[in-house]
Amino acid sequence: MSTAEIIISVLSTAGCTSVGTAWVLKTFLETGIKESIGSVYKKQLEDHKFLLKNSEKVFQFKLDASKSLYKIFHEMLPKKSYPEMDWDDVSQDIASSFRQHEDKLDNFLCEYQSTLSPEILIRIQSAINACSDGKFEFYFNSSASDVVCTDTAKDKAVELYDALEEAVEMLRKEVHDMISLPND
């Protein structure tokens, strides 16, 4: 064999080996990169599924809390019992049931406090405090043989109404914000 043939043979072998090595290396790199990217996306997908599942649970719990609080608020308001009934009469009727309102609100907090924002918790606690303070603001009128509501009790009824109205509206807004599409 001549020197030229040997050189051509060596270069051909080296070229084929380089091409083969490059092809094998390229295949391994592509496969590794695809698997790496695939595992990253799979992990992100699992994370998003987890967050979505938790978001659905939180939303359902907040929705249930909103409905329950509105029911308490709605049941607190007395039905109009005569044509001339005014706000003073309404506040007196609310005040006459402070114990029931306090119990309902305590039960509500036991059930839903974990999903309520601090602002809503403050309003509900204010409503409970108004009930607690107001239930002692009655006296017995012996001439009428009836229990009479003081002005302080009526003021506490207004505090209860205002605090609950704010809490109901705040919770309703939170629920609606959860179902609204974000502005992009």
Protein backbone atom coordinates (compact mmCIF):
# COMPACT_ATOMS: atom_id res chain seq x y z
CA MET A 1 0.00 0.00 0.00
CA SER A 2 1.23 3.37 -0.83
CA THR A 3 1.56 6.25 1.53
CA ALA A 4 -1.32 8.06 -0.13
CA GLU A 5 -3.58 5.05 0.26
CA ILE A 6 -2.66 4.75 3.93
CA ILE A 7 -3.35 8.44 4.53
CA ILE A 8 -6.71 8.22 2.73
CA SER A 9 -7.56 5.06 4.66
CA VAL A 10 -6.69 6.69 8.02
CA LEU A 11 -8.63 9.86 7.20
CA SER A 12 -11.66 7.86 6.03
CA THR A 13 -11.64 5.79 9.19
CA ALA A 14 -11.21 8.89 11.36
CA GLY A 15 -13.97 10.70 9.49
CA CYS A 16 -16.38 7.78 9.81
CA THR A 17 -15.53 7.44 13.48
CA SER A 18 -16.05 11.17 14.05
CA VAL A 19 -19.37 11.15 12.18
CA GLY A 20 -20.48 8.07 14.10
CA THR A 21 -19.43 9.53 17.41
CA ALA A 22 -21.12 12.82 16.60
CA TRP A 23 -24.32 11.04 15.63
CA VAL A 24 -24.34 8.93 18.82
CA LEU A 25 -23.54 11.99 20.93
CA LYS A 26 -26.25 14.04 19.20
CA THR A 27 -28.83 11.27 19.72
CA PHE A 28 -27.97 10.93 23.42
CA LEU A 29 -28.07 14.69 23.97
CA GLU A 30 -31.42 15.09 22.19
CA THR A 31 -32.94 12.22 24.16
CA GLY A 32 -31.54 13.55 27.44
CA ILE A 33 -32.73 17.09 26.78
CA LYS A 34 -36.20 15.88 25.76
CA GLU A 35 -36.48 13.73 28.89
CA SER A 36 -35.19 16.54 31.07
CA ILE A 37 -37.61 19.07 29.63
CA GLY A 38 -40.42 16.51 29.78
CA SER A 39 -39.80 15.84 33.46
CA VAL A 40 -39.73 19.58 34.24
CA TYR A 41 -43.06 20.09 32.47
CA LYS A 42 -44.54 17.03 34.13
CA LYS A 43 -43.53 18.38 37.55
CA GLN A 44 -45.02 21.80 36.74
CA LEU A 45 -48.23 20.16 35.53
CA GLU A 46 -48.53 18.18 38.77
CA ASP A 47 -47.92 21.35 40.80
CA HIS A 48 -50.63 23.21 38.87
CA LYS A 49 -53.08 20.31 39.32
CA PHE A 50 -52.41 20.41 43.06
CA LEU A 51 -52.93 24.19 43.24
CA LEU A 52 -56.09 23.99 41.16
CA LYS A 53 -57.55 21.26 43.38
CA ASN A 54 -56.81 23.34 46.50
CA SER A 55 -58.23 26.48 44.87
CA GLU A 56 -61.45 24.63 44.09
CA LYS A 57 -61.75 23.51 47.71
CA VAL A 58 -61.06 27.01 49.06
CA PHE A 59 -63.57 28.49 46.62
CA GLN A 60 -66.27 25.99 47.64
CA PHE A 61 -65.62 26.63 51.32
CA LYS A 62 -65.77 30.42 50.84
CA LEU A 63 -68.96 30.05 48.81
CA ASP A 64 -70.52 27.95 51.58
CA ALA A 65 -69.39 30.51 54.17
CA SER A 66 -70.87 33.34 52.13
CA LYS A 67 -74.23 31.59 51.82
CA SER A 68 -74.26 30.70 55.51
CA LEU A 69 -73.39 34.23 56.65
CA TYR A 70 -76.01 35.76 54.37
CA LYS A 71 -78.60 33.34 55.78
CA ILE A 72 -77.71 34.41 59.34
CA PHE A 73 -77.95 38.07 58.31
CA HIS A 74 -81.25 37.57 56.48
CA GLU A 75 -82.82 35.60 59.36
CA MET A 76 -81.74 38.30 61.82
CA LEU A 77 -83.95 40.87 60.11
CA PRO A 78 -87.51 40.77 61.43
CA LYS A 79 -90.46 40.55 59.09
CA LYS A 80 -92.57 43.68 58.92
CA SER A 81 -95.28 43.00 61.47
CA TYR A 82 -97.33 46.20 61.12
CA PRO A 83 -97.50 49.06 58.60
CA GLU A 84 -95.88 51.73 60.78
CA MET A 85 -92.90 49.56 61.75
CA ASP A 86 -89.75 51.73 61.71
CA TRP A 87 -86.03 51.23 62.26
CA ASP A 88 -86.41 51.68 66.04
CA ASP A 89 -88.85 48.76 66.07
CA VAL A 90 -86.53 46.68 63.88
CA SER A 91 -83.56 47.34 66.17
CA GLN A 92 -85.66 46.38 69.18
CA ASP A 93 -86.67 43.10 67.50
CA ILE A 94 -83.03 42.37 66.63
CA ALA A 95 -82.00 43.16 70.21
CA SER A 96 -84.61 40.81 71.65
CA SER A 97 -82.80 37.87 70.00
CA PHE A 98 -79.18 38.73 70.86
CA ARG A 99 -78.56 35.29 72.40
CA GLN A 100 -79.71 33.44 69.27
CA HIS A 101 -77.70 35.73 66.99
CA GLU A 102 -74.60 35.28 69.14
CA ASP A 103 -74.97 31.47 69.07
CA LYS A 104 -75.41 31.41 65.29
CA LEU A 105 -72.36 33.62 64.76
CA ASP A 106 -70.24 31.56 67.17
CA ASN A 107 -71.21 28.39 65.29
CA PHE A 108 -70.44 30.13 61.99
CA LEU A 109 -66.94 31.06 63.20
CA CYS A 110 -66.29 27.53 64.42
CA GLU A 111 -67.14 26.23 60.96
CA TYR A 112 -65.59 28.82 58.64
CA GLN A 113 -62.98 30.92 60.46
CA SER A 114 -60.08 29.22 58.67
CA THR A 115 -61.07 30.61 55.26
CA LEU A 116 -62.15 34.10 56.32
CA SER A 117 -59.94 37.12 55.80
CA PRO A 118 -58.84 39.06 58.90
CA GLU A 119 -61.12 41.98 57.94
CA ILE A 120 -64.18 39.73 57.85
CA LEU A 121 -63.19 38.03 61.11
CA ILE A 122 -62.96 41.47 62.76
CA ARG A 123 -66.49 42.38 61.56
CA ILE A 124 -67.98 39.10 62.75
CA GLN A 125 -66.24 39.37 66.10
CA SER A 126 -67.63 42.93 66.41
CA ALA A 127 -71.10 41.55 65.72
CA ILE A 128 -70.64 38.87 68.39
CA ASN A 129 -69.40 41.50 70.86
CA ALA A 130 -72.44 43.66 70.15
CA CYS A 131 -74.66 40.67 70.96
CA SER A 132 -72.70 39.86 74.11
CA ASP A 133 -72.84 43.43 75.37
CA GLY A 134 -76.41 44.12 74.28
CA LYS A 135 -78.07 41.07 75.82
CA PHE A 136 -77.70 42.65 79.27
CA GLU A 137 -79.39 45.93 78.29
CA PHE A 138 -82.98 45.05 79.21
CA TYR A 139 -85.07 45.74 82.25
CA PHE A 140 -88.42 44.54 83.52
CA ASN A 141 -91.22 47.09 83.40
CA SER A 142 -93.51 46.00 86.24
CA SER A 143 -96.39 48.28 85.23
CA ALA A 144 -96.48 46.76 81.72
CA SER A 145 -95.38 43.33 82.97
CA ASP A 146 -92.92 43.19 80.10
CA VAL A 147 -89.21 43.23 79.41
CA VAL A 148 -88.11 46.54 77.92
CA CYS A 149 -85.18 47.11 75.62
CA THR A 150 -82.92 50.05 76.51
CA ASP A 151 -81.51 52.53 74.02
CA THR A 152 -78.10 50.94 74.53
CA ALA A 153 -79.51 47.58 73.43
CA LYS A 154 -80.94 49.23 70.31
CA ASP A 155 -77.55 50.81 69.61
CA LYS A 156 -75.92 47.39 69.96
CA ALA A 157 -78.49 45.99 67.52
CA VAL A 158 -77.46 48.66 65.01
CA GLU A 159 -73.79 47.73 65.59
CA LEU A 160 -74.67 44.08 64.99
CA TYR A 161 -76.55 44.93 61.81
CA ASP A 162 -73.79 47.17 60.44
CA ALA A 163 -70.97 44.72 61.22
CA LEU A 164 -72.83 41.80 59.66
CA GLU A 165 -73.86 43.78 56.60
CA GLU A 166 -70.21 44.73 56.00
CA ALA A 167 -69.00 41.14 56.54
CA VAL A 168 -71.63 39.74 54.17
CA GLU A 169 -70.67 42.23 51.47
CA MET A 170 -66.92 41.68 51.92
CA LEU A 171 -67.28 37.90 51.74
CA ARG A 172 -69.55 38.14 48.70
CA LYS A 173 -66.93 40.30 46.99
CA GLU A 174 -64.17 37.81 47.82
CA VAL A 175 -66.19 35.00 46.25
CA HIS A 176 -66.94 37.06 43.15
CA ASP A 177 -63.27 38.03 42.83
CA MET A 178 -62.35 34.33 42.86
CA ILE A 179 -64.62 33.63 39.87
CA SER A 180 -63.66 36.70 37.88
CA LEU A 181 -61.11 36.36 35.10
CA PRO A 182 -57.89 38.25 35.76
CA ASN A 183 -57.26 41.29 33.59
CA ASP A 184 -54.30 40.64 31.33
